[in-house]
Amino acid sequence: MAAKLIFDPSQGHMRYVCGVSGSGTNYDRIYERDPEKFHLVFSNAPGCAGVEKAKNRGVLVAALDSSRYFKDMWGLEKIPRYGVERNSFDMALMTLVEQNINGSPDLICLAGYDLWIGDWMAGRYFPRILNVHPGDAKKYVGLGWRPTAKAILAEERAVKSTVFFVDASDDGGPILIQSKSLPLSRWDAELRDIRRFADENGVRTLPQFREAAARKGKNLYEALENVSTKIQEMLREEGDWKIYPFAVHDLISKGRVAVDGRTVFIDGKKMPEEGWQVDEYGFADKL
């Protein structure tokens, strides 16, 4: 099978949609890169700040309250990841999206959307769903500060963020681009005791570290969480917020990205599993 462009600009202007559930800061960065490009914002949390930002910009919004939906429709207090109930919500929300833009979106950007994508949605739209991960998605999965903590314990010298195509796995879809490395040496002083404890106890994973710290009566797990959170906030600014808009507007919308199965091509060049490396290629117009 030949690689197929995610979007072909010869067919017209790209129409993208952004999913938000909270502050909408990732959406802000994507929007600010090209405010004139047509898009819609969808949400499972109608009252969130991201939705209000879209409305204030005069942007179309499609919203369906996930908590009310699952409680009223299915009698569920907890939102399921899989199954008929979950797929029904995704179908309902994406029907609203497609009705509002009169067709299927060219690209779906998850910009702080707090629901895992269900099987139906992943199958229908792959590889047109994009997300950003606060770490090296090839090595360190997990939510929030955990990918950074895992990298610290694995003795990495730097961390980076990842934009990837969403499939039915947990952040395991094909990688499009990874940000410039953020050196952990900036936090050497705060990491000194954490690293020493990890070395002395021979722990290199997060569960091992937590267990060892609890056993020894050390309050280092909380310290690891705090410094990892601080590093992640910096990584969002220097990583996520640079590569996500670049991926949407400078790569995909310009017809530079194609996918064949799990293999990503940019400007016709096959990418490694780690995707486009900003460390190596920068933000060049062409490879």
Protein backbone atom coordinates (compact mmCIF):
# COMPACT_ATOMS: atom_id res chain seq x y z
CA MET A 1 0.00 0.00 0.00
CA ALA A 2 1.35 3.42 -0.97
CA ALA A 3 1.67 6.10 1.66
CA LYS A 4 -1.35 8.42 1.68
CA LEU A 5 -1.23 12.12 2.47
CA ILE A 6 -2.98 13.11 5.68
CA PHE A 7 -4.17 16.20 3.83
CA ASP A 8 -3.76 17.18 0.18
CA PRO A 9 -3.74 21.00 -0.22
CA SER A 10 -4.55 20.67 -3.92
CA GLN A 11 -8.09 19.77 -2.76
CA GLY A 12 -8.62 23.11 -0.99
CA HIS A 13 -8.07 24.55 2.48
CA MET A 14 -7.66 22.24 5.46
CA ARG A 15 -10.53 22.14 7.95
CA TYR A 16 -9.42 21.02 11.39
CA VAL A 17 -11.21 20.51 14.71
CA CYS A 18 -9.77 20.82 18.22
CA GLY A 19 -10.96 18.83 21.22
CA VAL A 20 -10.72 20.64 24.58
CA SER A 21 -11.80 19.83 28.12
CA GLY A 22 -9.99 22.44 30.21
CA SER A 23 -7.98 25.63 29.88
CA GLY A 24 -7.43 25.30 26.14
CA THR A 25 -3.76 26.34 26.22
CA ASN A 26 -2.75 23.78 23.58
CA TYR A 27 -5.65 25.01 21.46
CA ASP A 28 -4.41 28.59 21.96
CA ARG A 29 -1.02 27.75 20.46
CA ILE A 30 -2.57 25.97 17.45
CA TYR A 31 -5.02 28.81 16.87
CA GLU A 32 -2.42 31.55 17.21
CA ARG A 33 -0.22 29.99 14.52
CA ASP A 34 -2.94 30.64 11.91
CA PRO A 35 -6.04 32.42 13.28
CA GLU A 36 -7.65 32.62 9.85
CA LYS A 37 -7.72 28.88 9.17
CA PHE A 38 -11.22 27.41 9.41
CA HIS A 39 -11.73 25.20 12.44
CA LEU A 40 -14.23 24.04 15.03
CA VAL A 41 -13.79 23.32 18.74
CA PHE A 42 -15.49 20.31 20.28
CA SER A 43 -15.72 19.42 23.94
CA ASN A 44 -17.06 16.95 26.50
CA ALA A 45 -17.06 19.78 29.07
CA PRO A 46 -19.31 22.58 27.72
CA GLY A 47 -18.39 25.07 30.45
CA CYS A 48 -14.61 24.77 30.21
CA ALA A 49 -12.32 27.73 29.49
CA GLY A 50 -11.29 26.32 26.11
CA VAL A 51 -14.91 26.44 24.91
CA GLU A 52 -15.30 30.02 26.14
CA LYS A 53 -12.14 31.05 24.28
CA ALA A 54 -13.52 29.57 21.05
CA LYS A 55 -16.85 31.34 21.47
CA ASN A 56 -15.11 34.66 22.14
CA ARG A 57 -13.18 34.18 18.89
CA GLY A 58 -16.37 33.53 16.96
CA VAL A 59 -15.36 29.90 16.37
CA LEU A 60 -17.94 27.15 15.92
CA VAL A 61 -18.37 24.92 18.98
CA ALA A 62 -19.86 21.44 19.31
CA ALA A 63 -20.22 20.30 22.93
CA LEU A 64 -21.75 17.31 24.68
CA ASP A 65 -21.41 16.91 28.45
CA SER A 66 -19.87 13.46 28.95
CA SER A 67 -20.77 13.21 32.65
CA ARG A 68 -24.45 13.95 32.02
CA TYR A 69 -24.52 11.77 28.92
CA PHE A 70 -23.27 8.60 30.59
CA LYS A 71 -25.36 9.15 33.70
CA ASP A 72 -28.61 10.03 31.91
CA MET A 73 -28.29 7.67 28.94
CA TRP A 74 -26.60 4.68 30.53
CA GLY A 75 -26.86 5.15 34.31
CA LEU A 76 -23.07 5.19 34.61
CA GLU A 77 -21.16 7.34 37.09
CA LYS A 78 -17.77 6.40 35.63
CA ILE A 79 -17.00 7.05 31.97
CA PRO A 80 -16.03 3.78 30.25
CA ARG A 81 -13.02 3.51 27.95
CA TYR A 82 -14.43 0.77 25.72
CA GLY A 83 -17.75 -0.74 24.69
CA VAL A 84 -21.06 0.22 23.17
CA GLU A 85 -21.71 2.95 25.73
CA ARG A 86 -18.41 4.65 25.02
CA ASN A 87 -18.72 4.38 21.26
CA SER A 88 -22.22 5.85 21.42
CA PHE A 89 -20.86 9.02 23.03
CA ASP A 90 -18.11 9.43 20.44
CA MET A 91 -20.63 8.85 17.64
CA ALA A 92 -23.00 11.46 19.08
CA LEU A 93 -20.29 14.09 19.56
CA MET A 94 -18.65 13.53 16.17
CA THR A 95 -22.08 13.65 14.51
CA LEU A 96 -22.46 17.15 15.95
CA VAL A 97 -18.98 18.02 14.66
CA GLU A 98 -19.65 16.76 11.15
CA GLN A 99 -23.06 18.41 10.97
CA ASN A 100 -21.53 21.76 11.94
CA ILE A 101 -18.77 21.63 9.33
CA ASN A 102 -20.86 19.80 6.74
CA GLY A 103 -18.52 16.84 6.36
CA SER A 104 -15.65 14.95 7.88
CA PRO A 105 -12.75 17.00 9.36
CA ASP A 106 -9.38 16.84 7.62
CA LEU A 107 -7.62 16.72 10.98
CA ILE A 108 -8.66 16.21 14.61
CA CYS A 109 -6.38 17.79 17.22
CA LEU A 110 -6.74 16.63 20.81
CA ALA A 111 -5.75 19.78 22.67
CA GLY A 112 -6.24 18.95 26.32
CA TYR A 113 -9.21 16.66 25.60
CA ASP A 114 -9.48 14.55 28.74
CA LEU A 115 -11.22 11.45 27.38
CA TRP A 116 -9.35 8.50 25.90
CA ILE A 117 -10.47 7.95 22.32
CA GLY A 118 -12.74 4.92 21.94
CA ASP A 119 -12.26 2.15 19.39
CA TRP A 120 -14.94 3.44 17.04
CA MET A 121 -13.45 6.93 16.83
CA ALA A 122 -9.89 5.66 16.44
CA GLY A 123 -10.96 3.29 13.67
CA ARG A 124 -13.06 5.85 11.80
CA TYR A 125 -10.57 8.71 11.75
CA PHE A 126 -7.07 7.16 11.93
CA PRO A 127 -4.59 8.58 10.94
CA ARG A 128 -6.29 11.98 11.12
CA ILE A 129 -6.26 12.29 14.94
CA LEU A 130 -3.29 14.11 16.45
CA ASN A 131 -2.23 14.45 20.09
CA VAL A 132 0.76 15.64 22.09
CA HIS A 133 2.46 13.62 24.84
CA PRO A 134 4.54 15.25 27.61
CA GLY A 135 7.52 12.94 27.07
CA ASP A 136 9.22 10.57 24.65
CA ALA A 137 6.17 8.49 23.68
CA LYS A 138 8.38 5.69 22.35
CA LYS A 139 9.89 5.17 25.81
CA TYR A 140 7.79 6.69 28.58
CA VAL A 141 4.00 6.53 28.70
CA GLY A 142 1.72 7.80 31.43
CA LEU A 143 -0.21 10.91 32.38
CA GLY A 144 0.95 14.22 33.78
CA TRP A 145 4.38 14.30 35.43
CA ARG A 146 5.02 10.55 35.20
CA PRO A 147 6.83 10.40 31.83
CA THR A 148 9.35 12.96 33.11
CA ALA A 149 9.83 11.05 36.37
CA LYS A 150 10.40 7.82 34.43
CA ALA A 151 13.02 9.54 32.28
CA ILE A 152 14.81 10.86 35.39
CA LEU A 153 14.95 7.41 36.98
CA ALA A 154 16.15 5.88 33.70
CA GLU A 155 19.12 8.30 33.87
CA GLU A 156 18.17 10.25 30.75
CA ARG A 157 20.10 13.47 30.25
CA ALA A 158 17.16 15.29 28.67
CA VAL A 159 13.41 15.06 28.05
CA LYS A 160 11.36 15.85 24.97
CA SER A 161 7.68 15.94 24.00
CA THR A 162 5.99 14.04 21.19
CA VAL A 163 3.23 14.70 18.66
CA PHE A 164 1.74 11.43 17.43
CA PHE A 165 -1.16 9.98 15.47
CA VAL A 166 -3.80 8.53 17.79
CA ASP A 167 -4.86 4.92 17.37
CA ALA A 168 -6.67 2.53 19.73
CA SER A 169 -3.58 2.09 21.94
CA ASP A 170 -2.55 4.15 24.98
CA ASP A 171 -0.39 6.88 23.39
CA GLY A 172 1.25 4.23 21.19
CA GLY A 173 0.31 5.55 17.74
CA PRO A 174 2.86 6.43 15.03
CA ILE A 175 5.08 9.36 15.99
CA LEU A 176 5.13 12.46 13.77
CA ILE A 177 7.56 14.79 15.56
CA GLN A 178 9.56 15.14 18.77
CA SER A 179 10.63 18.44 20.28
CA LYS A 180 14.07 19.81 20.94
CA SER A 181 15.61 18.12 23.98
CA LEU A 182 15.24 19.91 27.32
CA PRO A 183 18.40 19.25 29.40
CA LEU A 184 17.73 17.90 32.86
CA SER A 185 20.97 19.53 34.03
CA ARG A 186 18.90 22.66 34.70
CA TRP A 187 17.49 20.84 37.74
CA ASP A 188 20.67 19.10 38.96
CA ALA A 189 20.42 20.62 42.44
CA GLU A 190 16.80 19.52 42.94
CA LEU A 191 17.49 16.06 41.54
CA ARG A 192 20.67 15.36 43.52
CA ASP A 193 19.04 13.53 46.47
CA ILE A 194 16.58 11.72 44.20
CA ARG A 195 19.34 10.42 41.94
CA ARG A 196 21.54 9.43 44.88
CA PHE A 197 18.70 7.48 46.49
CA ALA A 198 17.89 5.74 43.19
CA ASP A 199 21.54 4.75 42.74
CA GLU A 200 21.99 3.53 46.32
CA ASN A 201 18.87 1.38 46.13
CA GLY A 202 19.25 0.23 42.53
CA VAL A 203 15.82 1.46 41.44
CA ARG A 204 15.14 2.58 37.89
CA THR A 205 11.34 2.46 37.63
CA LEU A 206 8.62 4.60 39.22
CA PRO A 207 6.96 1.74 41.18
CA GLN A 208 10.36 0.60 42.50
CA PHE A 209 11.23 4.13 43.58
CA ARG A 210 7.92 4.65 45.35
CA GLU A 211 8.20 1.32 47.19
CA ALA A 212 11.82 1.93 48.22
CA ALA A 213 11.10 5.47 49.41
CA ALA A 214 8.15 4.28 51.50
CA ARG A 215 10.16 1.39 52.96
CA LYS A 216 13.06 3.63 53.95
CA GLY A 217 10.81 6.34 55.34
CA LYS A 218 12.05 8.89 52.80
CA ASN A 219 9.73 11.62 51.48
CA LEU A 220 11.41 11.50 48.07
CA TYR A 221 8.47 10.28 45.99
CA GLU A 222 6.67 13.57 46.59
CA ALA A 223 9.89 15.44 45.81
CA LEU A 224 10.17 13.51 42.53
CA GLU A 225 6.58 14.40 41.65
CA ASN A 226 7.16 18.08 42.42
CA VAL A 227 10.32 18.50 40.38
CA SER A 228 8.90 16.39 37.52
CA THR A 229 5.82 18.64 37.45
CA LYS A 230 8.06 21.70 37.29
CA ILE A 231 10.09 20.20 34.44
CA GLN A 232 6.93 19.23 32.58
CA GLU A 233 5.61 22.79 32.74
CA MET A 234 8.82 24.00 31.13
CA LEU A 235 8.60 21.20 28.56
CA ARG A 236 5.09 22.33 27.62
CA GLU A 237 6.40 25.79 26.78
CA GLU A 238 9.62 24.74 25.05
CA GLY A 239 8.31 21.50 23.56
CA ASP A 240 4.55 20.93 23.21
CA TRP A 241 3.64 24.49 22.30
CA LYS A 242 6.24 24.65 19.55
CA ILE A 243 5.87 21.26 17.85
CA TYR A 244 2.07 20.97 17.95
CA PRO A 245 1.33 24.14 15.92
CA PHE A 246 4.25 23.30 13.61
CA ALA A 247 2.85 19.81 13.00
CA VAL A 248 -0.64 21.13 12.20
CA HIS A 249 0.11 24.20 10.11
CA ASP A 250 3.62 23.72 8.70
CA LEU A 251 3.61 20.00 8.07
CA ILE A 252 0.12 18.50 7.66
CA SER A 253 -1.79 21.46 6.20
CA LYS A 254 0.93 21.94 3.60
CA GLY A 255 0.60 18.37 2.37
CA ARG A 256 3.98 17.29 3.66
CA VAL A 257 2.89 14.29 5.75
CA ALA A 258 1.87 10.83 4.56
CA VAL A 259 1.25 7.61 6.48
CA ASP A 260 1.41 3.97 5.42
CA GLY A 261 0.28 1.79 8.31
CA ARG A 262 2.61 2.81 11.14
CA THR A 263 5.22 4.38 8.87
CA VAL A 264 5.30 8.18 8.64
CA PHE A 265 6.73 10.08 5.65
CA ILE A 266 7.58 13.79 5.58
CA ASP A 267 8.39 15.37 2.22
CA GLY A 268 8.52 11.83 0.86
CA LYS A 269 11.25 10.79 3.31
CA LYS A 270 10.61 7.84 5.60
CA MET A 271 10.82 8.88 9.23
CA PRO A 272 12.38 6.74 11.98
CA GLU A 273 10.05 5.39 14.68
CA GLU A 274 10.90 8.51 16.70
CA GLY A 275 9.55 10.77 13.94
CA TRP A 276 10.90 14.15 12.87
CA GLN A 277 13.58 15.18 15.37
CA VAL A 278 13.76 18.92 16.00
CA ASP A 279 17.24 18.31 17.48
CA GLU A 280 18.32 17.10 14.03
CA TYR A 281 16.09 18.88 11.49
CA GLY A 282 15.05 22.03 13.35
CA PHE A 283 11.90 23.66 12.00
CA ALA A 284 13.08 23.71 8.38
CA ASP A 285 10.62 24.24 5.53
CA LYS A 286 11.96 21.14 3.78
CA LEU A 287 13.99 18.14 4.83
